[in-house]
Every structure is written in C-alpha cells, then in structure tokens.
Protein backbone atom coordinates (compact mmCIF):
# COMPACT_ATOMS: atom_id res chain seq x y z
CA UNK A 1 163.78 26.57 156.31
CA UNK A 2 160.14 25.50 155.90
CA UNK A 3 158.73 25.75 152.37
CA UNK A 4 155.97 28.15 153.47
CA UNK A 5 158.61 30.64 154.63
CA UNK A 6 160.67 30.16 151.46
CA UNK A 7 157.57 30.78 149.34
CA UNK A 8 156.66 33.95 151.23
CA UNK A 9 160.16 35.36 150.97
CA UNK A 10 160.29 34.70 147.24
CA UNK A 11 156.82 36.14 146.63
CA UNK A 12 157.34 39.30 148.71
CA UNK A 13 160.97 39.96 147.80
CA UNK A 14 162.76 39.16 151.07
CA UNK A 15 166.29 37.77 150.90
CA UNK A 16 167.28 37.79 154.60
CA UNK A 17 165.68 37.01 157.96
CA UNK A 18 166.12 38.63 161.34
CA UNK A 19 165.03 38.90 164.96
CA UNK A 20 163.68 42.26 166.15
CA UNK A 21 164.26 42.89 169.88
CA UNK A 22 162.92 45.91 171.81
CA UNK A 23 160.84 46.25 168.66
CA UNK A 24 158.66 49.20 169.69
CA UNK A 25 155.83 49.85 167.23
CA UNK A 26 157.92 48.54 164.34
CA UNK A 27 159.89 51.41 162.82
CA UNK A 28 162.98 49.28 162.33
CA UNK A 29 160.85 46.36 161.16
CA UNK A 30 159.22 48.55 158.49
CA UNK A 31 162.53 49.84 157.15
CA UNK A 32 164.11 46.39 157.23
CA UNK A 33 161.19 44.89 155.30
CA UNK A 34 161.49 47.68 152.73
CA UNK A 35 165.14 46.66 152.38
CA UNK A 36 164.48 42.93 152.02
CA UNK A 37 164.88 41.68 155.62
CA UNK A 38 161.93 39.81 157.14
CA UNK A 39 161.79 39.76 160.97
CA UNK A 40 160.64 36.32 162.10
CA UNK A 41 160.50 36.95 165.86
CA UNK A 42 160.03 40.26 167.68
CA UNK A 43 159.99 41.04 171.40
CA UNK A 44 158.22 44.00 173.03
CA UNK A 45 156.71 44.48 176.50
CA UNK A 46 154.38 47.50 176.10
CA UNK A 47 150.74 46.50 175.58
CA UNK A 48 149.51 49.01 173.01
CA UNK A 49 152.83 48.97 171.14
CA UNK A 50 152.53 45.22 170.64
CA UNK A 51 149.06 45.76 169.16
CA UNK A 52 150.44 48.42 166.80
CA UNK A 53 153.20 46.08 165.61
CA UNK A 54 150.82 43.14 165.26
CA UNK A 55 148.14 45.00 163.31
CA UNK A 56 150.58 46.85 161.05
CA UNK A 57 152.71 43.80 160.23
CA UNK A 58 150.17 41.00 160.60
CA UNK A 59 152.27 39.51 163.40
CA UNK A 60 150.90 36.79 165.67
CA UNK A 61 151.08 37.69 169.38
CA UNK A 62 152.69 35.27 171.85
CA UNK A 63 151.72 36.26 175.40
CA UNK A 64 154.70 35.45 177.61
CA UNK A 65 152.59 35.64 180.79
CA UNK A 66 150.33 32.91 179.43
CA UNK A 67 153.33 30.73 178.64
CA UNK A 68 154.97 31.23 182.05
CA UNK A 69 152.21 31.03 184.67
CA UNK A 70 153.39 31.19 188.29
CA UNK A 71 156.85 30.11 187.19
CA UNK A 72 155.55 27.06 185.32
CA UNK A 73 155.85 26.81 181.54
CA UNK A 74 152.61 26.03 179.71
CA UNK A 75 153.71 23.56 177.04
CA UNK A 76 150.25 23.40 175.47
CA UNK A 77 150.27 27.17 174.91
CA UNK A 78 153.78 27.04 173.45
CA UNK A 79 152.87 24.19 171.10
CA UNK A 80 149.99 26.26 169.65
CA UNK A 81 152.65 28.58 168.17
CA UNK A 82 155.33 25.96 167.46
CA UNK A 83 153.83 24.93 164.13
CA UNK A 84 154.91 25.67 160.59
CA UNK A 85 154.24 29.28 159.68
CA UNK A 86 155.68 32.18 157.70
CA UNK A 87 153.94 34.78 159.88
CA UNK A 88 156.06 37.01 162.14
CA UNK A 89 155.67 36.20 165.84
CA UNK A 90 155.83 39.03 168.38
CA UNK A 91 156.50 37.95 171.96
CA UNK A 92 154.67 40.22 174.39
CA UNK A 93 156.59 40.34 177.63
CA UNK A 94 159.79 41.10 179.54
CA UNK A 95 162.81 40.26 177.38
CA UNK A 96 164.71 39.10 180.46
CA UNK A 97 162.20 36.25 180.69
CA UNK A 98 162.46 35.25 177.01
CA UNK A 99 164.34 31.98 177.35
CA UNK A 100 167.13 31.41 174.81
CA UNK A 101 166.10 27.80 174.23
CA UNK A 102 162.53 28.91 173.57
CA UNK A 103 163.79 31.17 170.78
CA UNK A 104 165.78 28.30 169.26
CA UNK A 105 162.77 25.98 169.46
CA UNK A 106 160.46 28.52 167.84
CA UNK A 107 162.90 29.06 164.98
CA UNK A 108 163.16 25.32 164.40
CA UNK A 109 159.53 24.27 164.81
CA UNK A 110 157.79 27.35 163.39
CA UNK A 111 160.19 28.36 160.62
CA UNK A 112 162.34 25.28 160.03
CA UNK A 113 165.58 27.09 160.93
CA UNK A 114 168.12 25.04 162.89
CA UNK A 115 170.48 27.53 164.50
CA UNK A 116 173.30 24.98 164.34
CA UNK A 117 173.24 24.71 160.57
CA UNK A 118 171.13 27.61 159.23
CA UNK A 119 171.66 30.86 161.07
CA UNK A 120 169.68 34.05 161.41
CA UNK A 121 171.12 36.86 159.29
CA UNK A 122 170.76 39.67 161.83
CA UNK A 123 169.52 40.31 165.36
CA UNK A 124 168.64 43.96 165.98
CA UNK A 125 167.41 46.03 168.86
CA UNK A 126 167.32 49.42 170.54
CA UNK A 127 167.25 48.89 174.30
CA UNK A 128 165.26 51.58 176.20
CA UNK A 129 167.14 54.88 175.95
CA UNK A 130 165.83 56.69 179.05
CA UNK A 131 168.92 55.94 181.13
CA UNK A 132 171.22 57.26 178.37
CA UNK A 133 169.22 60.25 177.11
CA UNK A 134 170.50 63.75 177.87
CA UNK A 135 166.89 64.64 178.70
CA UNK A 136 166.59 61.85 181.28
CA UNK A 137 167.89 61.50 184.83
CA UNK A 138 170.93 59.45 183.66
CA UNK A 139 171.12 57.56 186.96
CA UNK A 140 174.49 55.87 187.46
CA UNK A 141 174.01 52.11 187.71
CA UNK A 142 170.49 52.19 186.21
CA UNK A 143 169.47 48.56 185.65
CA UNK A 144 168.36 49.49 182.12
CA UNK A 145 172.02 50.05 181.23
CA UNK A 146 172.43 46.29 180.90
CA UNK A 147 169.25 45.50 178.96
CA UNK A 148 171.33 45.57 175.77
CA UNK A 149 173.01 42.32 176.91
CA UNK A 150 169.84 40.48 175.86
CA UNK A 151 170.61 41.43 172.26
CA UNK A 152 174.00 39.71 172.55
CA UNK A 153 172.53 36.74 174.45
CA UNK A 154 169.99 36.00 171.76
CA UNK A 155 172.46 36.75 168.93
CA UNK A 156 174.82 34.13 170.35
CA UNK A 157 171.97 31.70 170.93
CA UNK A 158 170.93 31.75 167.27
CA UNK A 159 174.49 32.16 165.91
CA UNK A 160 173.46 35.37 164.13
CA UNK A 161 175.74 36.56 161.35
CA UNK A 162 175.29 40.23 162.27
CA UNK A 163 174.03 42.33 165.17
CA UNK A 164 172.63 45.86 165.14
CA UNK A 165 172.35 47.96 168.32
CA UNK A 166 170.57 51.34 168.25
CA UNK A 167 170.43 54.10 170.85
CA UNK A 168 170.61 57.83 171.56
CA UNK A 169 173.85 59.78 171.31
CA UNK A 170 173.72 60.53 175.04
CA UNK A 171 175.19 57.07 175.51
CA UNK A 172 178.57 58.49 174.43
CA UNK A 173 178.84 60.61 177.57
CA UNK A 174 177.15 58.53 180.27
CA UNK A 175 179.45 57.53 183.11
CA UNK A 176 180.19 54.08 184.49
CA UNK A 177 182.19 53.54 187.68
CA UNK A 178 182.76 57.27 187.86
CA UNK A 179 184.28 57.54 184.38
CA UNK A 180 182.44 59.75 181.88
CA UNK A 181 181.70 57.92 178.62
CA UNK A 182 182.68 54.53 180.03
CA UNK A 183 179.21 53.02 179.46
CA UNK A 184 179.71 53.27 175.69
CA UNK A 185 183.10 51.55 175.87
CA UNK A 186 181.57 48.91 178.15
CA UNK A 187 178.88 48.15 175.56
CA UNK A 188 181.43 48.03 172.73
CA UNK A 189 183.72 45.74 174.73
CA UNK A 190 180.78 43.44 175.49
CA UNK A 191 180.17 43.02 171.77
CA UNK A 192 183.81 42.11 171.19
CA UNK A 193 184.27 39.88 174.25
CA UNK A 194 186.49 37.07 172.94
CA UNK A 195 185.65 34.83 175.90
CA UNK A 196 182.11 34.48 174.58
CA UNK A 197 181.06 32.25 171.69
CA UNK A 198 180.33 33.13 169.06
CA UNK A 199 182.09 36.46 169.37
CA UNK A 200 181.68 39.52 167.20
CA UNK A 201 183.76 42.32 165.73
CA UNK A 202 182.33 45.83 165.58
CA UNK A 203 182.53 47.54 162.20
CA UNK A 204 183.36 50.75 164.08
CA UNK A 205 183.08 52.33 167.49
CA UNK A 206 184.06 55.81 166.32
CA UNK A 207 181.27 58.27 167.24
CA UNK A 208 181.61 60.18 163.97
CA UNK A 209 180.99 56.95 162.02
CA UNK A 210 178.30 55.22 164.07
CA UNK A 211 176.14 58.33 164.67
CA UNK A 212 173.67 58.81 161.81
CA UNK A 213 171.36 61.75 161.15
CA UNK A 214 167.90 60.80 159.88
CA UNK A 215 167.51 63.79 157.53
CA UNK A 216 170.57 62.57 155.57
CA UNK A 217 168.50 59.55 154.45
CA UNK A 218 165.20 61.14 153.39
CA UNK A 219 163.52 61.51 156.79
CA UNK A 220 162.06 65.03 157.26
CA UNK A 221 163.63 65.30 160.71
CA UNK A 222 167.02 66.23 162.20
CA UNK A 223 167.32 63.20 164.47
CA UNK A 224 170.64 61.67 165.51
CA UNK A 225 170.94 58.05 166.55
CA UNK A 226 173.82 55.71 167.27
CA UNK A 227 174.01 52.41 165.38
CA UNK A 228 176.60 49.79 166.33
CA UNK A 229 177.00 47.06 163.72
CA UNK A 230 178.82 43.84 164.60
CA UNK A 231 179.81 40.89 162.42
CA UNK A 232 180.44 37.35 163.64
CA UNK A 233 184.22 37.01 163.85
CA UNK A 234 184.45 33.70 161.98
CA UNK A 235 182.86 35.21 158.85
CA UNK A 236 185.67 36.47 156.65
CA UNK A 237 184.12 37.26 153.25
CA UNK A 238 182.00 40.16 154.45
CA UNK A 239 182.34 43.93 154.40
CA UNK A 240 179.85 46.42 155.78
CA UNK A 241 179.87 50.15 155.10
CA UNK A 242 177.61 52.63 156.84
CA UNK A 243 175.18 54.17 154.33
CA UNK A 244 176.37 57.25 152.50
CA UNK A 245 174.37 60.45 152.90
CA UNK A 246 171.89 60.97 150.08
CA UNK A 247 170.11 64.14 151.21
CA UNK A 248 171.34 67.60 152.13
CA UNK A 249 173.90 70.11 150.86
CA UNK A 250 176.25 68.56 148.30
CA UNK A 251 174.20 65.36 148.08
CA UNK A 252 171.95 63.82 145.44
CA UNK A 253 168.77 65.35 146.89
CA UNK A 254 167.97 68.36 149.12
CA UNK A 255 166.57 67.67 152.58
CA UNK A 256 162.92 66.62 152.77
CA UNK A 257 161.20 69.49 154.59
CA UNK A 258 158.24 69.81 156.92
CA UNK A 259 156.22 71.28 154.06
CA UNK A 260 157.13 68.35 151.79
CA UNK A 261 155.96 65.95 154.48
CA UNK A 262 152.77 67.60 155.74
CA UNK A 263 151.29 69.97 153.18
CA UNK A 264 148.94 67.40 151.61
CA UNK A 265 147.25 66.59 154.93
CA UNK A 266 143.85 68.17 155.68
CA UNK A 267 143.75 71.40 157.70
CA UNK A 268 142.41 70.43 161.15
CA UNK A 269 142.21 72.73 164.16
CA UNK A 270 142.31 71.82 167.85
CA UNK A 271 139.86 69.01 168.59
CA UNK A 272 139.02 68.42 164.92
CA UNK A 273 139.64 65.17 163.04
CA UNK A 274 139.77 64.32 159.35
CA UNK A 275 139.93 60.89 157.76
CA UNK A 276 139.94 62.09 154.14
CA UNK A 277 143.01 63.33 152.27
CA UNK A 278 143.15 66.66 150.52
CA UNK A 279 143.05 66.18 146.78
CA UNK A 280 146.59 66.38 145.46
CA UNK A 281 146.73 67.18 141.77
CA UNK A 282 150.44 67.85 141.65
CA UNK A 283 153.59 67.82 143.78
CA UNK A 284 155.56 70.91 144.75
CA UNK A 285 158.87 69.23 143.90
CA UNK A 286 160.47 65.86 143.23
CA UNK A 287 161.46 65.46 146.87
CA UNK A 288 157.85 65.66 147.93
CA UNK A 289 156.80 63.31 145.16
CA UNK A 290 159.43 60.75 146.17
CA UNK A 291 158.58 60.97 149.87
CA UNK A 292 154.80 60.91 149.52
CA UNK A 293 154.84 58.08 146.99
CA UNK A 294 156.33 55.93 149.73
CA UNK A 295 154.30 57.32 152.61
CA UNK A 296 150.90 57.26 150.89
CA UNK A 297 151.42 53.88 149.28
CA UNK A 298 150.41 55.22 145.87
CA UNK A 299 153.60 54.07 144.21
CA UNK A 300 157.11 53.41 145.33
CA UNK A 301 160.70 54.21 144.55
CA UNK A 302 162.35 51.35 142.66
CA UNK A 303 164.90 51.13 145.48
CA UNK A 304 162.22 50.77 148.17
CA UNK A 305 159.68 47.98 148.09
CA UNK A 306 157.16 50.04 150.07
CA UNK A 307 153.94 48.53 148.82
CA UNK A 308 150.91 48.43 151.12
CA UNK A 309 150.95 45.09 153.02
CA UNK A 310 148.56 42.54 151.58
CA UNK A 311 146.78 41.95 154.92
CA UNK A 312 145.60 45.59 154.84
CA UNK A 313 144.10 45.21 151.39
CA UNK A 314 140.40 44.48 150.98
CA UNK A 315 139.19 42.98 147.73
CA UNK A 316 142.60 43.82 146.28
CA UNK A 317 142.28 47.51 147.22
CA UNK A 318 143.26 49.80 150.09
CA UNK A 319 141.23 52.86 151.02
CA UNK A 320 143.89 55.26 149.76
CA UNK A 321 141.73 58.31 150.35
CA UNK A 322 141.40 57.43 154.02
CA UNK A 323 143.84 58.37 156.78
CA UNK A 324 143.87 57.64 160.50
CA UNK A 325 145.14 59.41 163.62
CA UNK A 326 144.90 62.86 162.03
CA UNK A 327 143.20 64.52 164.97
CA UNK A 328 144.12 67.91 166.39
CA UNK A 329 144.78 67.78 170.15
CA UNK A 330 141.92 69.28 172.16
CA UNK A 331 143.75 72.10 173.95
CA UNK A 332 142.13 73.96 176.85
CA UNK A 333 141.48 77.69 176.34
CA UNK A 334 144.56 78.77 178.29
CA UNK A 335 146.77 76.66 176.02
CA UNK A 336 144.98 77.95 172.92
CA UNK A 337 145.59 81.54 174.05
CA UNK A 338 149.27 80.75 174.64
CA UNK A 339 149.71 79.18 171.21
CA UNK A 340 148.07 82.18 169.58
CA UNK A 341 150.96 84.28 170.92
CA UNK A 342 153.59 82.17 169.14
CA UNK A 343 154.16 83.36 165.55
CA UNK A 344 155.54 81.27 162.71
CA UNK A 345 159.12 80.00 163.15
CA UNK A 346 159.18 80.88 166.86
CA UNK A 347 158.88 79.08 170.19
CA UNK A 348 157.27 79.58 173.56
CA UNK A 349 160.67 80.55 175.02
CA UNK A 350 161.48 83.15 172.35
CA UNK A 351 158.06 84.75 172.90
CA UNK A 352 158.48 84.69 176.69
CA UNK A 353 161.92 86.29 176.42
CA UNK A 354 160.63 88.93 173.99
CA UNK A 355 157.68 89.86 176.21
CA UNK A 356 159.97 90.01 179.24
CA UNK A 357 162.44 92.28 177.42
CA UNK A 358 159.60 94.59 176.33
CA UNK A 359 158.16 94.74 179.85
CA UNK A 360 154.87 93.14 178.78
CA UNK A 361 155.20 89.74 180.44
CA UNK A 362 152.94 90.55 183.43
CA UNK A 363 149.94 90.79 181.09
CA UNK A 364 150.53 87.28 179.74
CA UNK A 365 152.40 85.48 182.53
CA UNK A 366 149.30 83.50 183.53
CA UNK A 367 149.35 81.75 180.14
CA UNK A 368 152.89 80.41 180.52
CA UNK A 369 153.93 77.43 182.64
CA UNK A 370 155.91 78.07 185.82
CA UNK A 371 159.14 76.75 184.25
CA UNK A 372 159.92 77.72 180.66
CA UNK A 373 161.59 74.81 178.88
CA UNK A 374 163.31 75.60 175.59
CA UNK A 375 162.13 72.27 174.12
CA UNK A 376 158.42 72.93 174.71
CA UNK A 377 155.91 74.49 172.29
CA UNK A 378 158.19 75.06 169.30
CA UNK A 379 156.72 75.75 165.88
CA UNK A 380 157.92 73.65 162.99
CA UNK A 381 159.51 75.58 160.13
CA UNK A 382 158.02 74.67 156.75
CA UNK A 383 161.25 75.18 154.80
CA UNK A 384 163.38 72.90 157.01
CA UNK A 385 163.34 69.34 158.34
CA UNK A 386 161.72 69.00 161.75
CA UNK A 387 163.73 68.98 164.96
CA UNK A 388 163.77 65.65 166.81
CA UNK A 389 160.38 63.98 167.33
CA UNK A 390 160.52 62.52 170.85
CA UNK A 391 158.08 60.59 173.01
CA UNK A 392 157.10 64.00 174.45
CA UNK A 393 156.31 65.46 171.01
CA UNK A 394 152.74 66.36 171.98
CA UNK A 395 154.17 68.94 174.42
CA UNK A 396 157.07 69.98 172.20
CA UNK A 397 156.04 70.37 168.57
CA UNK A 398 153.56 72.89 167.17
CA UNK A 399 152.14 72.96 163.67
CA UNK A 400 153.95 75.54 161.48
CA UNK A 401 150.87 77.76 161.10
CA UNK A 402 147.87 76.30 162.98
CA UNK A 403 147.54 77.04 166.70
CA UNK A 404 147.81 73.48 167.97
CA UNK A 405 150.32 70.73 168.60
CA UNK A 406 150.88 68.22 165.82
CA UNK A 407 148.53 65.32 165.25
CA UNK A 408 149.78 61.73 165.65
CA UNK A 409 149.66 61.32 161.87
CA UNK A 410 151.81 64.41 161.38
CA UNK A 411 154.29 63.06 163.94
CA UNK A 412 154.30 59.74 162.07
CA UNK A 413 154.96 61.55 158.77
CA UNK A 414 157.94 63.36 160.33
CA UNK A 415 159.24 59.95 161.42
CA UNK A 416 158.64 58.56 157.86
CA UNK A 417 156.00 56.04 158.93
CA UNK A 418 153.67 55.18 156.04
CA UNK A 419 150.06 56.31 156.24
CA UNK A 420 148.77 52.74 156.30
CA UNK A 421 150.41 52.27 159.70
CA UNK A 422 147.88 51.28 162.36
CA UNK A 423 148.77 53.07 165.63
CA UNK A 424 146.79 51.52 168.47
CA UNK A 425 146.04 52.78 171.98
CA UNK A 426 144.79 56.12 173.34
CA UNK A 427 145.68 59.50 171.91
CA UNK A 428 146.95 60.74 175.26
CA UNK A 429 148.07 58.72 178.28
CA UNK A 430 150.11 59.40 181.40
CA UNK A 431 153.75 59.32 180.26
CA UNK A 432 155.49 56.18 181.46
CA UNK A 433 152.32 54.08 181.59
CA UNK A 434 152.66 50.52 180.31
CA UNK A 435 149.87 51.49 177.91
CA UNK A 436 151.78 53.89 175.65
CA UNK A 437 149.74 56.47 173.77
CA UNK A 438 150.12 57.07 170.04
CA UNK A 439 152.52 60.01 170.44
CA UNK A 440 154.88 58.13 172.74
CA UNK A 441 154.98 55.10 170.45
CA UNK A 442 155.76 57.26 167.42
CA UNK A 443 158.39 59.36 169.19
CA UNK A 444 160.24 56.32 170.57
CA UNK A 445 160.49 54.59 167.20
CA UNK A 446 163.35 54.30 164.73
CA UNK A 447 162.44 56.20 161.51
CA UNK A 448 161.67 53.57 158.84
CA UNK A 449 163.58 55.37 156.08
CA UNK A 450 166.70 55.50 158.26
CA UNK A 451 166.28 51.79 159.04
CA UNK A 452 165.89 51.15 155.31
CA UNK A 453 169.22 52.85 154.55
CA UNK A 454 170.92 50.49 157.00
CA UNK A 455 169.01 47.46 155.74
CA UNK A 456 170.25 48.03 152.18
CA UNK A 457 173.85 47.94 153.36
CA UNK A 458 173.24 44.89 155.56
CA UNK A 459 171.71 42.94 152.68
CA UNK A 460 174.53 44.01 150.36
CA UNK A 461 177.18 42.90 152.87
CA UNK A 462 175.55 39.48 153.33
CA UNK A 463 175.20 38.70 149.61
CA UNK A 464 178.28 36.47 149.47
CA UNK A 465 177.88 34.88 152.91
CA UNK A 466 176.45 31.39 153.08
C-alpha cells in the first residue's frame, strides 16, 4: 500500500478499504466511511449520479468511454489515473465493460495494493433492483437479473476477503425457470459456487436474518432491504454477525420520527426555496439531538465519525447555516387543489374513498388522476418514521402539514444523508433518463446510517484477519 494512502487512512480514521460497485450517489460509501471503510474504486453509469458521488466524496472521475474508444483502449488516458494517489476513483460507465485486469492494475499502480499479496477487505454493491422490485414489471429472464455477477467477478479478481450484496426484498419471490423464488437461490448458489476461485461462504441466506429494516438503525424511515454477506472460504478466524437492532420498541432508543428529522428545516411552500436553516435553540428530545448532530455536521456521536469532509471546508469552516436542495416542488393549481383536500395523516386514496362513500366525488373527480394508486400522495406522519422513500418519492410523499410534496433535502433527511451532501442534476427529470434527477438519486440510495450499522460489524469481523 502506497504511503500516501496509509497516511490518509491514519489521519482520517480508516482501518479497511473497499470497492463500491453500482455505487449510486454514495449512500453506502457514506455509511462505510463513517464506519472506518474507505472505498478506493467505485463504479456507476448514471451521469448526474457520478457527479453527486464525485463532489460529495472528492472522488476523481474516470470516464470509461474515453478509455475505450471504438473498442480500442487509450493507454495514455489510463496512465493519467494510474499514478500514486489516496483519492477515491469513480469509474463512469457500464460495469460490464470494466475489465478485471484494469481494476487490478489501478489498485497496484494508484494505491500500491497487489491483489496477490494484499487483498481488498470488501467489495460491495447493489445491482439495479427494478427487475426484482414488487413495484416493477418483474420480467422473467430480465438481463438485469445477472448484473450481480459483476460483484462476484471483481471480488474474485481482487481476492476480496468479504462481499456485500444489497437489494430489495422482492428478490425473495421472483421466479426463475418457472419456479417462484428461484432467483434468490440462484444468487446465493452463485456466491457459494465451489468451482470458482476464490469461493465464498454466505453468513446466512435466511430471509429473516438477511432482511434489515432501516428504522431499526436510526434511519427515520421504514425501509426493508436485503443484505447478503459472504466471507472468503479460506479465511477461518472470522465471524460476522448482522447488526443488532438499536431503535424501536424494547431497544436502546425509540424510533427516529419524521418530526425528529424535519422539524428544524425552514417552512417552504410550493415553488419556494430556502438556503438558510431555522435557528435551533434546543432539541425536542435526545433522539433528535443524536440524529441532527450527525446530519447537520455540528457534532457527531462518538460511535460515528461523521465529520464534514475536509474538501467541503473553506478556510477551515463550512457554511453550517446554509442548506441546499430545500426547494418546494412547483405544483400546478390542479395539484395544489388536490393536496389541499388531503388532511394530516391521510392519503389521496383515503380521501377519494371517503368522498366516494359520501357521494361527493363528482364535485372533485377532476382533481384526481384517472387511476388511484395507494402509494401516491401520502402525507407523512410526524410521530412515526416515514414509509419507504423510493425513486418515485416526488409523486408519493407529501409533507406532514404543508400542501406540497417533500423537497429533495427532506427526502435526503429521511434517508439519513447528511446536509453537506451535494446532490447534482435537475430537480425533476423524466423517470428512467440516464440523467437522474435529485429525487431519483436519493430514493435509489442505501441509507447511510443503515450502511454504517453494517460497516461497524464488517470492521469488527475483520479485526483479526491479516
């Protein structure tokens, strides 16, 4: 390992290194860094998401299309990145085209890590979930079903000690070859394929053990995600345990609620933006104090090294009174009139059903969409964690009391992204565009505090492994 990387890790408190595949805007990266794991290489194909990751984590961007031009590799371009550095490198491009040997060469030349003698601690990734999600089309044989194999390919290339695979719980029930749920078993079997070298053993494949709920780990959101953890089979002196729940009934802390997460943000209406915090003289409770001390970067829990990154500091200071992306969506009048009908703690569907039952729907039918989806236009409840923040959150989540959808910053808070996070790209873009908007980036991400809970256990399990 090059001295520059050793010095950075010592200075900033990192003890392990990783590779971050299907990185998205960097939710997993943020939580891993809070837990002491520094991602050296990341891979992501979406344009604006790469910019978000780069600007938030001071990562250098490697444009894969510039390296591979018309099928020919540009050695001069590659060599401009294959120099000693401690800076994270994010590869912008299709992961299927990220050559295994290129990854090995970058580790050796850029970071001084020879994968034959000094291995990467963990390779992580959450392959696109659209083909597994219950809300998606779940097409049998979708080519995205096999994107996860790149995680194993690169893990084996760099001889990684551990592997982490993340996805939605819909993966448990998706069919393969006509058998319901077979895709999950196929993925698990691929991890444990003994014909491959190195091969890995899963810590567990039991749904009740590998499915984690974000609100159990301090995230103000009831979000369930699957995490498969695998350990290289030749490593014997290692034990990994999934993180114990810390929040909720019977736990150390109560759930972090919507009010805990959002009440300090300025009151903005539809189309209005604020870049200045409300003054906060006191906290409502210790949960809010703990959460906001991490999110606002004004202090940090001793267990979470959540300091504001040095590259975002100017003259040793960060503009702590300044926030970004806190802009109320500019709803058209018809949408504003619809939202005005939805009282606190209710949804568009409950209001539609109530008006229909009372025989009043004809008066308001023009305000409602043709199809009434239960997931659309639901008010948050201040006293509870949020329901799942998805990539469609702009259409799904309403502020608890203000007649508008949530702002990107509010969505980021519900995901536990810190306020210093720099979300790039447009506010609103056609869903599915290669240029993801802020909402889609935030909704697709892994909540940093959930990633941190896993990172703590990963670091603990690797303490005695050389």
